[in-house]
C-alpha cells in the first residue's frame, strides 16, 4: 500500500449496539475501526443475536468503514501457571474468535499473557500450547489472532519482539496469527521511537523475528511515561513522551503502510468542543510526508 493511502481509525464503544460504534467512528472521521465483541472484563457473555449481527453488518455497509479489528478480553492469560485459568482463557478466546467469525471481523488483537513469575520460556511454552488448542477447536473461518506487543509491566510477555517471533515459530499453524504493534507499549518497553537509531532497532527486530507482512494493525498511542519505564499509560498524539517525531517515523515507513492505524487514546473533547479522536486522527494524517 502506498504511504498516502493509510487507513486510520480508533477504538469505539459498542454500548447500546454495534451501530453506535460505527456512528461514532464516522463522526470522528475514521477509515477503519476497533471494537470489543463482548464485555472485555467478563469471562462469558450471551451469544450474539441475529439482531446484533444484522445491526453490525448494516452499520458497516452504511458507513463504509472498514476493515474492523476486534480486541480480546483483558482477562485472558494463556501464559498462566494456573491450569484452570488457562482453560478458561482458551474457552474465552475460542468464543471471541467465533464471535468475530459471525460478524465477519478478520482480526482479533490478543495480549499474549503473563508468566506470573515462572519465567518467559515457561510462559511462551504455555501460550503456544494454548493457541494450538484454540485453533484446533475454534470455528474460526478466516479470523486471524494478532499478538500484541506489551509494555513489559509485571511479568507480561511480548515486550520484546523476539517473544512474538518465538510464539509464531512454535505454533502448528503460524498463518492463523499476525502481529499488532502498540507504539506506547514498545516505547515503554525500551524501543526509543524518538530517535532514528531507536526506531530502526524496532524495525529491524520486526523484520527479523516476525516479518513486516505479519503486522496487520498498529495501535497509535503516545506514552505518558518515558522510554523504558515498562508502564502502559496512553497519551494523546504529540502530547506524550514519544512526540510527533516518533509518529512521523512510523507513518512514513512504507514497510508498515499496509497496517491499519488504530487510536486507543483518552476519549473526550478539547477546549473547542472537538472530539479528541478527530483531533488525534487529524494530527496523525498531517505527519504523512508523501
Protein backbone atom coordinates (compact mmCIF):
# COMPACT_ATOMS: atom_id res chain seq x y z
CA UNK A 1 0.00 0.00 0.00
CA UNK A 2 1.21 3.50 -0.80
CA UNK A 3 2.05 5.63 2.23
CA UNK A 4 -0.62 8.19 1.31
CA UNK A 5 -3.34 5.50 1.35
CA UNK A 6 -3.01 4.53 5.00
CA UNK A 7 -6.14 3.65 6.99
CA UNK A 8 -6.74 5.44 10.29
CA UNK A 9 -9.31 4.65 12.96
CA UNK A 10 -9.99 4.37 16.67
CA UNK A 11 -11.38 2.02 19.27
CA UNK A 12 -15.08 2.71 19.77
CA UNK A 13 -17.60 1.57 22.36
CA UNK A 14 -20.36 -0.83 21.31
CA UNK A 15 -22.55 0.14 24.27
CA UNK A 16 -26.15 0.21 23.07
CA UNK A 17 -25.35 -1.73 19.92
CA UNK A 18 -22.71 -2.12 17.23
CA UNK A 19 -24.34 0.63 15.19
CA UNK A 20 -23.27 3.17 17.81
CA UNK A 21 -19.61 2.29 17.34
CA UNK A 22 -19.86 2.85 13.60
CA UNK A 23 -21.71 6.14 14.08
CA UNK A 24 -19.02 7.40 16.47
CA UNK A 25 -16.30 6.27 14.06
CA UNK A 26 -17.96 8.11 11.19
CA UNK A 27 -18.25 11.25 13.30
CA UNK A 28 -14.53 11.10 14.15
CA UNK A 29 -13.52 10.65 10.52
CA UNK A 30 -12.33 7.05 10.81
CA UNK A 31 -11.43 4.86 7.84
CA UNK A 32 -11.31 1.72 9.99
CA UNK A 33 -12.42 0.73 13.48
CA UNK A 34 -11.67 -1.36 16.57
CA UNK A 35 -14.33 -2.79 18.89
CA UNK A 36 -14.90 -5.36 21.61
CA UNK A 37 -17.17 -8.22 20.54
CA UNK A 38 -18.11 -8.93 24.18
CA UNK A 39 -17.64 -7.29 27.58
CA UNK A 40 -13.86 -7.15 27.92
CA UNK A 41 -13.95 -7.51 31.70
CA UNK A 42 -16.17 -10.59 31.92
CA UNK A 43 -15.34 -14.20 31.13
CA UNK A 44 -18.60 -15.05 29.43
CA UNK A 45 -21.38 -13.28 27.59
CA UNK A 46 -24.69 -14.23 25.96
CA UNK A 47 -24.43 -15.42 22.35
CA UNK A 48 -24.69 -12.81 19.64
CA UNK A 49 -28.26 -12.44 18.49
CA UNK A 50 -29.30 -12.33 14.86
CA UNK A 51 -30.43 -8.76 15.50
CA UNK A 52 -26.98 -7.77 16.79
CA UNK A 53 -25.24 -9.35 13.81
CA UNK A 54 -27.64 -7.67 11.39
CA UNK A 55 -27.13 -4.29 13.13
CA UNK A 56 -23.36 -4.70 12.82
CA UNK A 57 -23.46 -5.59 9.13
CA UNK A 58 -25.96 -2.87 8.33
CA UNK A 59 -23.88 -0.17 10.05
CA UNK A 60 -20.71 -1.45 8.41
CA UNK A 61 -22.36 -1.29 4.98
CA UNK A 62 -23.99 2.11 5.52
CA UNK A 63 -20.84 3.85 6.81
CA UNK A 64 -18.35 2.05 4.56
CA UNK A 65 -15.91 1.96 7.47
CA UNK A 66 -13.51 -0.97 7.46
CA UNK A 67 -11.75 -3.18 7.95
CA UNK A 68 -12.78 -3.74 11.56
CA UNK A 69 -10.48 -5.26 14.14
CA UNK A 70 -11.65 -6.62 17.50
CA UNK A 71 -9.76 -6.58 20.79
CA UNK A 72 -9.91 -9.60 23.07
CA UNK A 73 -10.73 -9.52 26.77
CA UNK A 74 -8.07 -8.30 29.19
CA UNK A 75 -8.81 -11.29 31.44
CA UNK A 76 -7.21 -13.83 29.12
CA UNK A 77 -3.86 -15.27 30.17
CA UNK A 78 -2.63 -18.27 28.21
CA UNK A 79 0.77 -17.96 29.95
CA UNK A 80 -0.65 -18.53 33.43
CA UNK A 81 0.81 -21.39 35.52
CA UNK A 82 -2.72 -21.99 36.86
CA UNK A 83 -4.32 -24.69 34.71
CA UNK A 84 -7.87 -23.54 35.43
CA UNK A 85 -7.03 -20.01 34.31
CA UNK A 86 -5.52 -21.31 31.07
CA UNK A 87 -8.59 -23.48 30.49
CA UNK A 88 -10.91 -20.51 30.96
CA UNK A 89 -8.69 -18.37 28.74
CA UNK A 90 -8.75 -20.95 25.95
CA UNK A 91 -12.54 -21.22 26.10
CA UNK A 92 -12.99 -17.45 26.18
CA UNK A 93 -10.61 -16.89 23.26
CA UNK A 94 -12.44 -19.52 21.20
CA UNK A 95 -15.70 -17.70 21.95
CA UNK A 96 -14.26 -14.35 20.85
CA UNK A 97 -12.85 -15.81 17.64
CA UNK A 98 -16.20 -17.35 16.81
CA UNK A 99 -17.97 -14.06 17.51
CA UNK A 100 -15.59 -12.36 15.08
CA UNK A 101 -16.36 -15.05 12.51
CA UNK A 102 -20.11 -14.41 12.93
CA UNK A 103 -19.62 -10.70 12.33
CA UNK A 104 -17.05 -11.03 9.57
CA UNK A 105 -14.31 -9.34 11.62
CA UNK A 106 -10.98 -10.53 10.16
CA UNK A 107 -8.60 -9.84 13.06
CA UNK A 108 -8.68 -10.22 16.86
CA UNK A 109 -5.98 -8.44 18.89
CA UNK A 110 -4.76 -10.51 21.83
CA UNK A 111 -2.34 -9.85 24.71
CA UNK A 112 -0.03 -12.90 24.89
CA UNK A 113 -0.20 -13.16 28.68
CA UNK A 114 1.87 -13.01 31.88
CA UNK A 115 4.05 -15.83 33.20
CA UNK A 116 3.34 -14.94 36.87
CA UNK A 117 6.93 -15.43 37.97
CA UNK A 118 7.70 -18.72 36.23
CA UNK A 119 9.80 -17.11 33.50
CA UNK A 120 9.44 -16.12 29.85
CA UNK A 121 10.36 -19.57 28.50
CA UNK A 122 7.67 -21.33 30.54
CA UNK A 123 5.14 -18.64 29.63
CA UNK A 124 5.81 -18.85 25.91
CA UNK A 125 5.51 -22.63 26.03
CA UNK A 126 2.08 -22.33 27.63
CA UNK A 127 0.97 -19.63 25.17
CA UNK A 128 1.94 -21.84 22.24
CA UNK A 129 0.09 -24.81 23.74
CA UNK A 130 -2.98 -22.71 24.40
CA UNK A 131 -3.06 -21.22 20.90
CA UNK A 132 -2.67 -24.67 19.36
CA UNK A 133 -5.69 -25.84 21.35
CA UNK A 134 -7.66 -22.72 20.42
CA UNK A 135 -7.04 -23.13 16.71
CA UNK A 136 -7.83 -26.82 16.86
CA UNK A 137 -11.25 -26.21 18.41
CA UNK A 138 -12.38 -22.80 17.16
CA UNK A 139 -14.68 -22.40 14.19
CA UNK A 140 -12.51 -19.53 13.10
CA UNK A 141 -13.25 -19.11 9.43
CA UNK A 142 -10.69 -16.57 8.24
CA UNK A 143 -10.24 -14.85 11.64
CA UNK A 144 -6.59 -14.18 12.44
CA UNK A 145 -5.40 -13.59 16.03
CA UNK A 146 -2.94 -10.69 16.32
CA UNK A 147 -0.30 -10.97 19.05
CA UNK A 148 0.06 -7.52 20.60
CA UNK A 149 3.33 -6.06 21.82
CA UNK A 150 3.30 -5.23 25.54
CA UNK A 151 4.90 -2.58 27.73
CA UNK A 152 6.58 -5.14 29.98
CA UNK A 153 4.58 -4.39 33.11
CA UNK A 154 4.83 -7.09 35.75
CA UNK A 155 5.55 -10.46 34.16
CA UNK A 156 3.87 -9.80 30.82
CA UNK A 157 5.28 -11.45 27.72
CA UNK A 158 5.63 -9.56 24.44
CA UNK A 159 7.72 -6.54 25.40
CA UNK A 160 10.48 -7.91 23.18
CA UNK A 161 9.61 -8.52 19.53
CA UNK A 162 11.54 -11.77 19.80
CA UNK A 163 8.89 -13.11 22.20
CA UNK A 164 6.26 -12.80 19.48
CA UNK A 165 8.61 -14.44 16.99
CA UNK A 166 9.07 -17.41 19.29
CA UNK A 167 5.31 -17.83 19.63
CA UNK A 168 4.87 -17.67 15.85
CA UNK A 169 7.65 -20.20 15.37
CA UNK A 170 6.18 -22.55 17.99
CA UNK A 171 2.53 -22.84 16.92
CA UNK A 172 1.39 -25.51 14.50
CA UNK A 173 -0.44 -23.03 12.28
CA UNK A 174 1.53 -19.76 12.16
CA UNK A 175 -0.72 -18.41 9.38
CA UNK A 176 -3.51 -18.21 11.97
CA UNK A 177 -1.53 -15.48 13.74
CA UNK A 178 -0.42 -11.96 12.96
CA UNK A 179 1.00 -9.06 14.98
CA UNK A 180 -0.28 -5.80 16.43
CA UNK A 181 2.36 -3.22 17.35
CA UNK A 182 1.37 -0.68 20.02
CA UNK A 183 3.58 2.43 19.88
CA UNK A 184 3.08 3.26 23.56
CA UNK A 185 3.88 -0.31 24.57
CA UNK A 186 7.06 -0.69 22.53
CA UNK A 187 8.26 2.75 23.68
CA UNK A 188 7.62 1.89 27.33
CA UNK A 189 9.37 -1.43 26.74
CA UNK A 190 12.55 0.39 25.65
CA UNK A 191 12.29 0.91 21.89
CA UNK A 192 13.10 4.62 21.56
CA UNK A 193 10.89 5.92 18.76
CA UNK A 194 12.20 9.45 19.30
CA UNK A 195 15.48 8.65 17.51
CA UNK A 196 16.29 7.20 14.10
CA UNK A 197 18.50 4.57 15.73
CA UNK A 198 15.81 3.57 18.20
CA UNK A 199 13.18 3.27 15.50
CA UNK A 200 15.46 1.21 13.28
CA UNK A 201 16.10 -1.16 16.20
CA UNK A 202 12.37 -1.77 16.39
CA UNK A 203 12.02 -2.08 12.61
CA UNK A 204 14.96 -4.46 12.30
CA UNK A 205 13.55 -6.73 15.02
CA UNK A 206 10.13 -6.73 13.36
CA UNK A 207 11.77 -7.76 10.11
CA UNK A 208 13.96 -10.40 11.75
CA UNK A 209 11.52 -12.03 14.16
CA UNK A 210 8.03 -11.63 12.70
CA UNK A 211 8.19 -10.00 9.25
CA UNK A 212 6.60 -6.71 8.23
CA UNK A 213 3.83 -8.51 6.34
CA UNK A 214 2.54 -10.04 9.61
CA UNK A 215 1.93 -6.63 11.19
CA UNK A 216 -1.76 -6.10 10.45
CA UNK A 217 -2.52 -3.37 12.98
CA UNK A 218 -0.64 -0.57 14.74
CA UNK A 219 -2.10 0.96 17.89
CA UNK A 220 -1.02 4.59 17.56
CA UNK A 221 -0.81 5.83 21.14
CA UNK A 222 1.56 8.36 22.66
CA UNK A 223 3.09 7.46 26.03
CA UNK A 224 2.55 9.30 29.29
CA UNK A 225 5.65 7.64 30.74
CA UNK A 226 9.28 7.73 29.46
CA UNK A 227 11.03 5.20 27.26
CA UNK A 228 11.92 2.03 29.15
CA UNK A 229 9.52 2.78 32.02
CA UNK A 230 7.65 -0.52 31.49
CA UNK A 231 4.46 1.39 32.37
CA UNK A 232 1.48 1.31 29.99
CA UNK A 233 -0.19 4.74 30.07
CA UNK A 234 -1.56 6.15 26.81
CA UNK A 235 -1.48 9.84 25.92
CA UNK A 236 -2.72 11.98 23.04
CA UNK A 237 -0.67 12.13 19.84
CA UNK A 238 2.23 14.54 20.22
CA UNK A 239 1.40 15.28 23.86
CA UNK A 240 3.37 12.44 25.43
CA UNK A 241 6.97 11.25 25.58
CA UNK A 242 7.03 9.86 22.02
CA UNK A 243 6.14 13.17 20.40
CA UNK A 244 5.29 13.93 16.79
CA UNK A 245 8.71 12.90 15.51
CA UNK A 246 8.23 9.33 16.67
CA UNK A 247 4.90 9.02 14.91
CA UNK A 248 6.34 10.63 11.79
CA UNK A 249 8.88 7.78 11.63
CA UNK A 250 6.18 5.13 11.98
CA UNK A 251 3.75 6.66 9.48
CA UNK A 252 6.36 7.25 6.79
CA UNK A 253 7.80 3.74 6.88
CA UNK A 254 6.49 2.15 3.70
CA UNK A 255 7.17 -1.33 5.09
CA UNK A 256 4.28 -0.83 7.53
CA UNK A 257 1.94 1.30 5.43
CA UNK A 258 -0.44 -1.64 4.89
CA UNK A 259 -1.24 -1.93 8.63
CA UNK A 260 -4.36 -0.15 9.85
CA UNK A 261 -3.68 2.57 12.43
CA UNK A 262 -5.93 2.45 15.48
CA UNK A 263 -6.11 5.08 18.25
CA UNK A 264 -6.58 3.98 21.85
CA UNK A 265 -6.09 7.44 23.35
CA UNK A 266 -8.31 9.00 26.05
CA UNK A 267 -11.80 10.00 24.96
CA UNK A 268 -13.42 13.40 25.35
CA UNK A 269 -13.38 16.81 23.69
CA UNK A 270 -10.77 19.55 23.51
CA UNK A 271 -11.15 23.15 24.64
CA UNK A 272 -13.13 23.95 21.49
CA UNK A 273 -15.51 21.06 21.99
CA UNK A 274 -13.98 18.97 19.18
CA UNK A 275 -13.95 15.19 19.62
CA UNK A 276 -10.42 14.17 20.71
CA UNK A 277 -10.39 11.17 18.37
CA UNK A 278 -10.97 13.59 15.49
CA UNK A 279 -8.16 15.83 16.78
CA UNK A 280 -5.71 12.93 17.13
CA UNK A 281 -6.57 11.47 13.73
CA UNK A 282 -6.11 14.84 12.07
CA UNK A 283 -2.74 15.22 13.79
CA UNK A 284 -1.59 11.80 12.60
CA UNK A 285 -2.65 12.33 8.99
CA UNK A 286 -0.71 15.59 8.84
CA UNK A 287 2.51 13.70 9.65
CA UNK A 288 2.49 11.79 6.35
CA UNK A 289 5.10 13.45 4.16
CA UNK A 290 4.47 11.77 0.80
